[in-house]
Amino acid sequence: MFPKINRPDIVRSSHPKMNNGYVQAVVSLARDGLGMSRSAVATLALRAVQEQNQAVDIIQAALNDYIDRYRSLSFENFSLDVRVRPSEQGRPIGMEFGKISFGKIGVDMYRFVAAGHLRRRIMVRPIKGDMLILYNGHWQPVEAYLDALKVEPAIRTVTDDENRAVSWWRQENWWRSNGKAFRFLDLPAELRDVIYQFALVKPAQPYPRMKSRKMGYAGQVKMTEANPTTALMRINYQVHTEASHVFYRDAPFVMSHKQVLGKVITNPLLASNICHLHLSLSHAGYLQAFGFRFNDILDYSNPYGGPVTALREMRLATLEIEIAAPSNVAEEAWLDSACQRSICGWIFEAMWPAVKGHPFSFTGYIKDSQKAAFEAYGAQESEVVAEWQRRRVDWGFDKGTLSQYDEFVEGWESDGPGGVRLDGREGEGDEWMTKRPEVREDVKDGSQNIPGAPICFCRTVCSAENWSFQD
């Protein structure tokens, strides 16, 4: 039944029946001789039809089919990445069918490539219904070598050149091969939360294609794939409820574009659920988004409030404000080669009406002294807000938003002596307000009444290369 060793050259007739006979011989040998799966045999037959000028490597196809089936039998090793290629040192194995030579069906030595770095030449011997390899001095099934690879930690990880689609295909193939369905909702709620955290809790960039329009299709795909895979939320209502709760509770939302920031935080559904916000705008982006007003000529203020109003309605657990590196080129020409210390002061003043009361922190290119001063302002305001929340609860109200806190402070200030507070007491004696910090140092050109470029006059010019966090 199994083919004889024959000459390596192909002696195929151009007669259609003979070509059909070759395809039939390939199918018969792959299916009956080597025991390949039906899908692998169909793929091999298609190659035999398409590749008219050369014989297909049936042995290589059989080895790869064995590896795929072995991987499908064990969920623990579905990501095992092993492929075989003919070795240049191998000798050809030929095939005869109907007393006509159809050339080689493969060689007797193949290179087994595992996890992209482990390569080994192994002798192979086809037998009826199986394939043997020379491993540890004995002819053994292919599974013996694959079992040995299971102990290598590097083999059990997905290789760099393996894309996500291949990984998902292998998982699906395992479930289909084993005929099982995983009853996810039968797991305890604690384990489901761990799975949700593993799948969803990583930095999320809403509307990623909005940021990557100029990056081309490849850049858009890359930014989209970097986001958490929220398809898990579409399984059913219960999974959506549980997964979205974990996602919005723990995942940081990264805003690196002012249009994206405005679109997200002015969306009531998103803004009411986000707990962790990470702002990573440019210098001009911060000033434009939060309405910085330098004078009558240079005015970025928004009469409708914009992000300032929206942030006051959010209930954030953390707010991280990342300051970009100093640069010689900025979005606004007047910010080219700007002094980083002055820019940080302006950014904080622009943001203060929106972030006061939120538990914010600064990261990135900001001096340690400025960072400490700004965060001290925030800590002081947070203590006042916490006291206000405590009093609301004492008065029988639920905890309020920061916009309600602003209304309360405004009413507290407007009440004259003898006025009545929200708690029914007379309005004498108590003071309730932390002053808005004035932290910028205006540098103006008196002749044109416009802000002069905040050029850095420090001993060491501001730049990313020589940046120091100390003054």
Protein backbone atom coordinates (compact mmCIF):
# COMPACT_ATOMS: atom_id res chain seq x y z
CA MET A 1 0.00 0.00 0.00
CA PHE A 2 2.66 2.49 1.00
CA PRO A 3 4.76 4.08 -1.76
CA LYS A 4 8.10 2.77 -2.89
CA ILE A 5 11.31 4.76 -3.01
CA ASN A 6 11.47 6.11 -6.52
CA ARG A 7 13.28 8.66 -8.59
CA PRO A 8 12.80 12.24 -7.42
CA ASP A 9 11.95 13.77 -10.75
CA ILE A 10 8.34 14.08 -11.82
CA VAL A 11 7.31 11.98 -14.81
CA ARG A 12 3.73 13.15 -15.12
CA SER A 13 1.88 13.08 -18.37
CA SER A 14 -0.02 16.16 -19.50
CA HIS A 15 -3.04 13.96 -20.19
CA PRO A 16 -6.02 15.13 -18.07
CA LYS A 17 -6.85 11.61 -16.90
CA MET A 18 -3.31 11.15 -15.69
CA ASN A 19 -3.47 14.41 -13.75
CA ASN A 20 -6.77 13.28 -12.26
CA GLY A 21 -5.08 10.03 -11.37
CA TYR A 22 -2.35 11.97 -9.58
CA VAL A 23 -4.90 13.84 -7.51
CA GLN A 24 -6.68 10.60 -6.67
CA ALA A 25 -3.38 9.02 -5.67
CA VAL A 26 -2.60 11.99 -3.39
CA VAL A 27 -6.02 11.75 -1.74
CA SER A 28 -5.76 7.98 -1.30
CA LEU A 29 -2.27 8.12 0.14
CA ALA A 30 -3.04 11.03 2.50
CA ARG A 31 -6.32 9.59 3.75
CA ASP A 32 -5.73 5.84 3.78
CA GLY A 33 -1.97 5.65 3.85
CA LEU A 34 -1.12 8.37 6.37
CA GLY A 35 -4.45 8.77 8.18
CA MET A 36 -4.78 12.51 7.65
CA SER A 37 -7.97 14.31 8.63
CA ARG A 38 -10.64 15.03 6.01
CA SER A 39 -10.07 18.81 6.07
CA ALA A 40 -6.30 18.35 5.63
CA VAL A 41 -6.85 15.89 2.78
CA ALA A 42 -9.19 18.35 1.03
CA THR A 43 -6.61 21.12 1.35
CA LEU A 44 -3.89 18.85 0.00
CA ALA A 45 -6.05 17.77 -2.95
CA LEU A 46 -6.69 21.41 -3.83
CA ARG A 47 -2.95 22.08 -3.80
CA ALA A 48 -2.40 19.04 -6.05
CA VAL A 49 -4.84 20.50 -8.57
CA GLN A 50 -3.39 24.01 -8.45
CA GLU A 51 0.31 23.10 -8.43
CA GLN A 52 0.49 21.40 -11.80
CA ASN A 53 4.25 21.76 -12.23
CA GLN A 54 5.39 20.14 -8.99
CA ALA A 55 4.45 17.35 -6.66
CA VAL A 56 3.00 18.34 -3.32
CA ASP A 57 4.84 17.41 -0.13
CA ILE A 58 2.38 14.94 1.38
CA ILE A 59 4.64 13.99 4.28
CA GLN A 60 5.04 17.58 5.39
CA ALA A 61 1.28 18.10 5.20
CA ALA A 62 0.73 14.92 7.23
CA LEU A 63 3.18 16.02 9.95
CA ASN A 64 1.53 19.43 10.26
CA ASP A 65 -1.89 17.76 10.39
CA TYR A 66 -0.74 15.48 13.22
CA ILE A 67 0.56 18.50 15.14
CA ASP A 68 -2.73 20.40 14.69
CA ARG A 69 -4.76 17.44 15.92
CA TYR A 70 -2.44 16.91 18.88
CA ARG A 71 -2.78 20.58 19.83
CA SER A 72 -6.56 20.36 19.59
CA LEU A 73 -6.70 17.48 22.06
CA SER A 74 -5.26 19.52 24.93
CA PHE A 75 -6.62 22.92 25.90
CA GLU A 76 -3.53 23.48 28.02
CA ASN A 77 -1.37 23.37 24.90
CA PHE A 78 -3.62 24.91 22.27
CA SER A 79 -1.00 27.67 21.79
CA LEU A 80 1.83 25.18 21.15
CA ASP A 81 3.47 26.52 18.00
CA VAL A 82 5.35 23.86 16.03
CA ARG A 83 5.80 23.68 12.26
CA VAL A 84 7.86 21.39 10.05
CA ARG A 85 9.80 22.16 6.90
CA PRO A 86 11.78 19.87 4.60
CA SER A 87 15.47 19.59 5.42
CA GLU A 88 17.99 20.15 2.66
CA GLN A 89 19.80 17.05 3.88
CA GLY A 90 16.76 14.81 3.44
CA ARG A 91 16.52 12.19 0.71
CA PRO A 92 13.42 12.08 -1.48
CA ILE A 93 10.66 9.53 -1.03
CA GLY A 94 8.76 8.72 -4.23
CA MET A 95 5.37 7.30 -5.08
CA GLU A 96 3.95 5.00 -7.71
CA PHE A 97 0.28 4.80 -8.57
CA GLY A 98 -1.04 2.61 -11.33
CA LYS A 99 2.54 1.87 -12.38
CA ILE A 100 3.09 5.52 -13.19
CA SER A 101 5.75 7.48 -11.33
CA PHE A 102 4.41 10.69 -9.82
CA GLY A 103 7.66 11.87 -8.28
CA LYS A 104 8.53 12.51 -4.63
CA ILE A 105 5.92 12.85 -1.92
CA GLY A 106 8.43 14.28 0.54
CA VAL A 107 11.81 13.59 2.11
CA ASP A 108 12.98 11.46 5.00
CA MET A 109 14.21 14.37 7.18
CA TYR A 110 12.39 17.52 8.33
CA ARG A 111 13.21 20.53 10.45
CA PHE A 112 10.83 20.90 13.38
CA VAL A 113 10.57 24.61 14.31
CA ALA A 114 9.05 25.31 17.74
CA ALA A 115 8.17 28.72 19.20
CA GLY A 116 10.20 30.53 16.57
CA HIS A 117 13.61 29.68 18.04
CA LEU A 118 13.93 25.91 18.67
CA ARG A 119 14.91 24.09 15.46
CA ARG A 120 15.77 20.43 15.16
CA ARG A 121 16.31 18.07 12.23
CA ILE A 122 14.42 14.80 12.73
CA MET A 123 14.27 11.68 10.59
CA VAL A 124 10.77 10.57 9.63
CA ARG A 125 9.35 7.21 8.49
CA PRO A 126 5.84 6.94 7.04
CA ILE A 127 3.99 3.76 7.87
CA LYS A 128 0.45 2.67 7.14
CA GLY A 129 -1.93 4.96 8.97
CA ASP A 130 0.75 6.78 10.97
CA MET A 131 4.06 8.64 10.91
CA LEU A 132 7.13 7.81 13.03
CA ILE A 133 10.06 10.05 13.92
CA LEU A 134 13.53 9.18 15.20
CA TYR A 135 13.57 10.63 18.73
CA ASN A 136 15.86 9.62 21.62
CA GLY A 137 17.35 6.87 19.49
CA HIS A 138 14.00 5.16 18.82
CA TRP A 139 11.29 5.35 16.18
CA GLN A 140 8.38 6.93 18.01
CA PRO A 141 5.09 8.67 17.14
CA VAL A 142 5.18 12.44 16.61
CA GLU A 143 3.33 12.86 19.92
CA ALA A 144 6.43 11.75 21.83
CA TYR A 145 8.38 14.80 20.68
CA LEU A 146 5.42 17.14 21.27
CA ASP A 147 5.01 15.79 24.81
CA ALA A 148 8.63 16.71 25.51
CA LEU A 149 8.04 20.26 24.27
CA LYS A 150 5.24 20.77 26.81
CA VAL A 151 7.75 21.25 29.62
CA GLU A 152 9.35 24.24 27.88
CA PRO A 153 7.71 27.44 29.21
CA ALA A 154 8.61 29.40 26.08
CA ILE A 155 6.77 26.91 23.89
CA ARG A 156 3.51 27.42 25.75
CA THR A 157 3.30 31.11 24.88
CA VAL A 158 2.04 32.60 21.65
CA THR A 159 4.94 33.57 19.40
CA ASP A 160 5.53 37.14 18.28
CA ASP A 161 4.64 36.40 14.67
CA GLU A 162 1.38 34.72 15.59
CA ASN A 163 -1.56 37.07 15.34
CA ARG A 164 -4.64 37.14 17.49
CA ALA A 165 -6.82 35.53 14.82
CA VAL A 166 -4.67 32.37 14.82
CA SER A 167 -4.85 32.18 18.61
CA TRP A 168 -8.63 32.45 18.60
CA TRP A 169 -8.86 29.88 15.81
CA ARG A 170 -6.89 27.38 17.89
CA GLN A 171 -9.14 27.84 20.89
CA GLU A 172 -12.25 27.41 18.75
CA ASN A 173 -10.72 24.32 17.13
CA TRP A 174 -10.14 22.77 20.55
CA TRP A 175 -13.77 23.24 21.58
CA ARG A 176 -15.02 21.91 18.28
CA SER A 177 -12.71 18.89 18.37
CA ASN A 178 -13.65 17.97 21.92
CA GLY A 179 -17.37 18.63 21.47
CA LYS A 180 -17.63 20.51 24.75
CA ALA A 181 -19.16 23.77 25.86
CA PHE A 182 -17.70 25.66 28.79
CA ARG A 183 -20.40 26.66 31.29
CA PHE A 184 -18.94 30.02 32.18
CA LEU A 185 -21.88 31.20 34.28
CA ASP A 186 -21.58 28.10 36.48
CA LEU A 187 -18.31 29.50 37.86
CA PRO A 188 -18.47 31.38 41.18
CA ALA A 189 -18.89 35.14 40.83
CA GLU A 190 -15.41 35.70 42.27
CA LEU A 191 -13.78 33.64 39.49
CA ARG A 192 -15.87 35.37 36.83
CA ASP A 193 -14.64 38.72 38.14
CA VAL A 194 -11.04 37.52 37.85
CA ILE A 195 -11.67 36.53 34.22
CA TYR A 196 -13.30 39.89 33.51
CA GLN A 197 -10.33 41.70 35.02
CA PHE A 198 -7.88 39.63 32.98
CA ALA A 199 -9.76 40.31 29.74
CA LEU A 200 -10.89 43.91 30.20
CA VAL A 201 -8.80 45.78 32.76
CA LYS A 202 -6.12 47.54 30.75
CA PRO A 203 -5.80 51.08 29.38
CA ALA A 204 -8.75 51.85 27.10
CA GLN A 205 -8.68 54.54 24.43
CA PRO A 206 -12.23 55.40 23.34
CA TYR A 207 -12.75 56.14 19.64
CA PRO A 208 -9.22 54.95 18.70
CA ARG A 209 -9.71 55.56 14.98
CA MET A 210 -10.45 59.22 15.67
CA LYS A 211 -6.89 59.60 16.95
CA SER A 212 -5.32 57.48 14.20
CA ARG A 213 -6.90 58.91 11.06
CA LYS A 214 -3.52 60.16 9.82
CA MET A 215 -1.71 56.94 10.74
CA GLY A 216 -3.13 54.86 7.90
CA TYR A 217 -5.05 51.62 8.09
CA ALA A 218 -2.24 49.71 9.83
CA GLY A 219 -2.01 52.33 12.57
CA GLN A 220 -5.77 52.29 13.07
CA VAL A 221 -5.82 48.52 13.41
CA LYS A 222 -2.92 48.60 15.86
CA MET A 223 -4.62 51.17 18.11
CA THR A 224 -7.92 49.29 17.94
CA GLU A 225 -6.31 45.97 18.91
CA ALA A 226 -4.54 47.64 21.85
CA ASN A 227 -7.91 48.31 23.46
CA PRO A 228 -9.66 45.80 25.74
CA THR A 229 -11.75 43.22 23.90
CA THR A 230 -15.24 44.31 24.84
CA ALA A 231 -16.90 41.63 22.67
CA LEU A 232 -17.19 39.65 25.89
CA MET A 233 -19.98 42.02 26.92
CA ARG A 234 -22.17 40.89 24.02
CA ILE A 235 -22.65 37.29 25.21
CA ASN A 236 -25.84 37.91 27.16
CA TYR A 237 -27.42 40.36 29.57
CA GLN A 238 -25.90 38.87 32.73
CA VAL A 239 -22.36 38.78 31.35
CA HIS A 240 -22.77 42.30 29.99
CA THR A 241 -23.87 43.57 33.40
CA GLU A 242 -21.05 41.85 35.30
CA ALA A 243 -18.30 42.57 32.77
CA SER A 244 -19.21 46.22 32.24
CA HIS A 245 -19.25 46.76 36.00
CA VAL A 246 -15.68 45.46 36.31
CA PHE A 247 -14.59 47.28 33.15
CA TYR A 248 -15.79 50.73 34.17
CA ARG A 249 -14.78 50.21 37.80
CA ASP A 250 -11.15 49.20 37.19
CA ALA A 251 -10.04 50.07 33.63
CA PRO A 252 -8.29 53.45 33.11
CA PHE A 253 -9.67 55.51 30.21
CA VAL A 254 -6.84 57.27 28.38
CA MET A 255 -7.65 60.55 26.62
CA SER A 256 -4.83 61.75 24.36
CA HIS A 257 -6.89 63.92 22.02
CA LYS A 258 -9.03 66.89 23.03
CA GLN A 259 -11.85 65.99 20.62
CA VAL A 260 -12.01 62.49 22.09
CA LEU A 261 -12.01 63.94 25.60
CA GLY A 262 -14.91 66.22 24.79
CA LYS A 263 -16.85 63.45 23.06
CA VAL A 264 -16.44 61.01 25.95
CA ILE A 265 -17.07 63.12 29.01
CA THR A 266 -20.04 64.89 27.43
CA ASN A 267 -21.62 61.47 26.82
CA PRO A 268 -23.77 60.96 29.94
CA LEU A 269 -23.66 57.16 29.68
CA LEU A 270 -19.87 56.98 29.53
CA ALA A 271 -19.17 59.84 31.92
CA SER A 272 -21.42 58.42 34.64
CA ASN A 273 -19.61 55.06 34.60
CA ILE A 274 -15.92 55.97 34.20
CA CYS A 275 -14.01 55.78 37.49
CA HIS A 276 -10.40 56.14 36.32
CA LEU A 277 -9.47 58.90 33.88
CA HIS A 278 -5.99 59.44 32.41
CA LEU A 279 -5.44 62.70 30.51
CA SER A 280 -2.49 62.80 28.14
CA LEU A 281 -3.02 65.88 25.98
CA SER A 282 -0.50 68.22 24.45
CA HIS A 283 0.27 71.57 26.06
CA ALA A 284 -2.03 73.43 23.67
CA GLY A 285 -4.59 70.63 23.97
CA TYR A 286 -4.97 71.21 27.71
CA LEU A 287 -5.28 74.97 27.32
CA GLN A 288 -7.84 74.67 24.52
CA ALA A 289 -9.87 71.89 26.15
CA PHE A 290 -10.20 73.62 29.52
CA GLY A 291 -10.69 77.17 28.28
CA PHE A 292 -7.49 78.98 29.15
CA ARG A 293 -7.88 82.74 28.80
CA PHE A 294 -4.69 84.76 28.63
CA ASN A 295 -6.22 88.05 27.58
CA ASP A 296 -8.88 89.46 25.25
CA ILE A 297 -6.91 88.42 22.17
CA LEU A 298 -5.83 84.92 23.15
CA ASP A 299 -8.96 83.37 24.62
CA TYR A 300 -9.70 79.64 24.49
CA SER A 301 -12.60 79.86 26.92
CA ASN A 302 -15.83 78.03 26.05
CA PRO A 303 -19.00 79.94 26.95
CA TYR A 304 -20.89 76.63 27.30
CA GLY A 305 -18.46 75.08 29.78
CA GLY A 306 -17.40 72.05 27.73
CA PRO A 307 -15.13 69.61 29.61
CA VAL A 308 -15.18 71.81 32.71
CA THR A 309 -18.91 71.35 33.22
CA ALA A 310 -18.83 67.65 32.26
CA LEU A 311 -16.02 66.77 34.66
CA ARG A 312 -17.92 68.28 37.56
CA GLU A 313 -20.66 65.66 36.99
CA MET A 314 -18.26 62.69 37.03
CA ARG A 315 -17.49 60.63 40.13
CA LEU A 316 -13.82 59.70 39.62
CA ALA A 317 -11.77 57.43 41.85
CA THR A 318 -8.52 58.59 40.20
CA LEU A 319 -7.61 61.35 37.76
CA GLU A 320 -4.11 61.17 36.30
CA ILE A 321 -2.87 64.25 34.45
CA GLU A 322 0.15 63.52 32.25
CA ILE A 323 2.27 66.46 31.11
CA ALA A 324 3.93 66.14 27.70
CA ALA A 325 7.67 66.63 27.23
CA PRO A 326 9.13 70.03 26.36
CA SER A 327 9.36 70.55 22.62
CA ASN A 328 10.71 73.08 20.15
CA VAL A 329 7.58 72.66 18.03
CA ALA A 330 4.05 72.92 19.46
CA GLU A 331 0.51 73.00 18.09
CA GLU A 332 0.46 76.75 18.70
CA ALA A 333 3.40 78.75 17.34
CA TRP A 334 3.60 80.95 20.43
CA LEU A 335 4.26 77.83 22.54
CA ASP A 336 7.37 76.81 20.57
CA SER A 337 10.36 76.35 22.92
CA ALA A 338 8.15 77.27 25.86
CA CYS A 339 9.34 77.17 29.46
CA GLN A 340 7.95 73.96 30.90
CA ARG A 341 7.45 75.47 34.35
CA SER A 342 5.30 78.31 32.99
CA ILE A 343 3.27 75.93 30.82
CA CYS A 344 2.57 73.63 33.77
CA GLY A 345 1.32 76.60 35.78
CA TRP A 346 -1.00 77.71 32.99
CA ILE A 347 -2.32 74.18 32.49
CA PHE A 348 -3.10 73.82 36.18
CA GLU A 349 -4.87 77.17 36.33
CA ALA A 350 -6.96 76.26 33.27
CA MET A 351 -7.88 72.87 34.73
CA TRP A 352 -8.49 73.89 38.32
CA PRO A 353 -12.22 74.77 37.96
CA ALA A 354 -12.81 71.32 36.44
CA VAL A 355 -10.58 69.10 38.59
CA LYS A 356 -10.86 70.64 42.06
CA GLY A 357 -12.38 68.09 44.39
CA HIS A 358 -11.32 65.14 42.20
CA PRO A 359 -8.47 62.94 43.52
CA PHE A 360 -6.00 64.03 40.83
CA SER A 361 -2.26 63.49 40.48
CA PHE A 362 0.35 64.75 38.01
CA THR A 363 2.80 62.63 36.04
CA GLY A 364 5.17 63.25 33.16
CA TYR A 365 7.42 66.26 32.68
CA ILE A 366 6.62 68.41 35.69
CA LYS A 367 8.96 69.68 38.39
CA ASP A 368 8.72 67.96 41.74
CA SER A 369 8.03 71.24 43.52
CA GLN A 370 5.15 72.10 41.17
CA LYS A 371 3.74 68.61 41.42
CA ALA A 372 3.77 68.79 45.23
CA ALA A 373 2.18 72.25 45.25
CA PHE A 374 -0.57 71.37 42.76
CA GLU A 375 -1.43 68.10 44.50
CA ALA A 376 -1.50 69.92 47.84
CA TYR A 377 -4.15 72.26 46.43
CA GLY A 378 -6.09 69.20 45.34
CA ALA A 379 -5.76 67.43 48.70
CA GLN A 380 -6.99 70.52 50.52
CA GLU A 381 -10.05 70.81 48.29
CA SER A 382 -10.74 67.07 48.54
CA GLU A 383 -10.85 67.33 52.33
CA VAL A 384 -13.42 70.12 52.08
CA VAL A 385 -15.52 68.12 49.61
CA ALA A 386 -15.34 65.06 51.89
CA GLU A 387 -16.63 67.20 54.78
CA TRP A 388 -19.44 68.50 52.58
CA GLN A 389 -20.38 64.94 51.58
CA ARG A 390 -20.44 63.92 55.24
CA ARG A 391 -22.74 66.79 56.11
CA ARG A 392 -25.09 65.95 53.21
CA VAL A 393 -25.44 62.45 54.59
CA ASP A 394 -26.10 63.89 58.04
CA TRP A 395 -28.78 66.12 56.56
CA GLY A 396 -30.46 63.09 54.95
CA PHE A 397 -29.26 63.58 51.37
CA ASP A 398 -27.33 61.19 49.10
CA LYS A 399 -23.75 61.97 48.18
CA GLY A 400 -23.72 64.71 45.57
CA THR A 401 -21.66 65.59 42.51
CA LEU A 402 -19.02 68.27 42.36
CA SER A 403 -21.37 70.51 40.39
CA GLN A 404 -23.76 70.36 43.36
CA TYR A 405 -20.83 71.17 45.61
CA ASP A 406 -20.07 74.24 43.46
CA GLU A 407 -23.68 75.39 43.80
CA PHE A 408 -23.48 74.88 47.55
CA VAL A 409 -20.28 76.93 47.84
CA GLU A 410 -21.74 79.67 45.66
CA GLY A 411 -24.84 79.80 47.83
CA TRP A 412 -22.74 79.76 50.98
CA GLU A 413 -20.74 82.75 49.79
CA SER A 414 -23.80 84.70 48.64
CA ASP A 415 -25.59 84.35 52.00
CA GLY A 416 -25.07 87.46 54.08
CA PRO A 417 -24.96 87.60 57.87
CA GLY A 418 -28.11 86.17 59.31
CA GLY A 419 -28.88 84.06 56.22
CA VAL A 420 -30.07 80.49 56.56
CA ARG A 421 -27.77 77.62 55.52
CA LEU A 422 -28.84 74.35 54.00
CA ASP A 423 -28.71 72.73 57.43
CA GLY A 424 -31.10 75.33 58.90
CA ARG A 425 -28.44 77.09 60.96
CA GLU A 426 -27.86 80.83 60.78
CA GLY A 427 -25.13 81.84 58.38
CA GLU A 428 -22.75 83.49 60.77
CA GLY A 429 -19.29 82.43 61.68
CA ASP A 430 -18.37 79.56 59.38
CA GLU A 431 -16.18 80.02 56.31
CA TRP A 432 -16.35 77.57 53.45
CA MET A 433 -14.14 78.16 50.48
CA THR A 434 -10.70 77.37 49.19
CA LYS A 435 -9.47 80.11 46.94
CA ARG A 436 -8.72 79.43 43.28
CA PRO A 437 -4.94 79.30 42.91
CA GLU A 438 -3.22 81.91 40.80
CA VAL A 439 -0.12 80.07 39.63
CA ARG A 440 0.76 81.46 36.23
CA GLU A 441 3.40 84.03 35.49
CA ASP A 442 2.14 86.17 32.61
CA VAL A 443 4.76 87.25 30.13
CA LYS A 444 3.23 89.93 27.92
CA ASP A 445 4.46 92.04 25.06
CA GLY A 446 3.32 95.54 25.99
CA SER A 447 3.40 96.84 22.44
CA GLN A 448 0.94 94.28 21.01
CA ASN A 449 -1.00 93.25 24.12
CA ILE A 450 -0.56 89.55 23.30
CA PRO A 451 1.31 86.98 25.34
CA GLY A 452 4.93 86.76 24.46
CA ALA A 453 6.34 83.30 23.80
CA PRO A 454 7.17 81.79 27.21
CA ILE A 455 10.76 81.19 26.15
CA CYS A 456 12.82 79.23 28.63
CA PHE A 457 15.51 81.33 30.29
CA CYS A 458 16.60 78.60 32.68
CA ARG A 459 20.26 77.75 32.99
CA THR A 460 19.43 74.44 31.33
CA VAL A 461 16.97 74.90 28.48
CA CYS A 462 13.84 72.78 28.77
CA SER A 463 14.04 69.66 26.59
CA ALA A 464 13.17 66.01 26.91
CA GLU A 465 16.82 64.99 26.67
CA ASN A 466 18.16 67.04 29.58
CA TRP A 467 15.01 67.21 31.67
CA SER A 468 15.38 67.24 35.46
CA PHE A 469 12.59 66.90 37.98
CA GLN A 470 14.47 69.09 40.45
CA ASP A 471 14.43 72.89 40.17
